């Protein structure tokens, strides 16, 4: 993309991520839902361990804030809608950002659309015990709405 279009896209993405994150955090503290691992350890099995191996709580990776809606999902929804507006909804690309990771399988991932990438990102937190499906569904919905609103905003390009 030419530099002016790239800057335009990054500006919209920045606005969208900021707005989605703000709306997400407002909702997190309005509904204040606990995370799945917390519920399971409190009410079902105090030694619960996610499929990721060690207990999320013991790993020190548990987010210390409410679960609903998912912030990862909200940001993924924004990126999906804004990138689709610039590149089209069917866009083949390969994500190699984790190619050299050794702490997990960092095989490059092929995506056929930004929607596919957003949904994989959103739902990847469920197996960790960090979110339930409704957290992710609502995060995606929220992010997509914000992305549509940002795409409608006509930025003034000053030459």
Foldseek 3Di string as FASTA:
>chain_A
DPPVVVVVLVVLLVVLLVVLLVVQVVVQVVVVAAFQLVCCCVPPNVQDAFPVPHQCVVVVNADPTGPAAPSQLLSLLLCQLSVCVVPNFFDWDWAQVQVPDDVDHRPIDIDGGSVVVSVCRLCVCVRRRRYDPVNNVVSNVSNNVSNVVSVPDDDDDDD
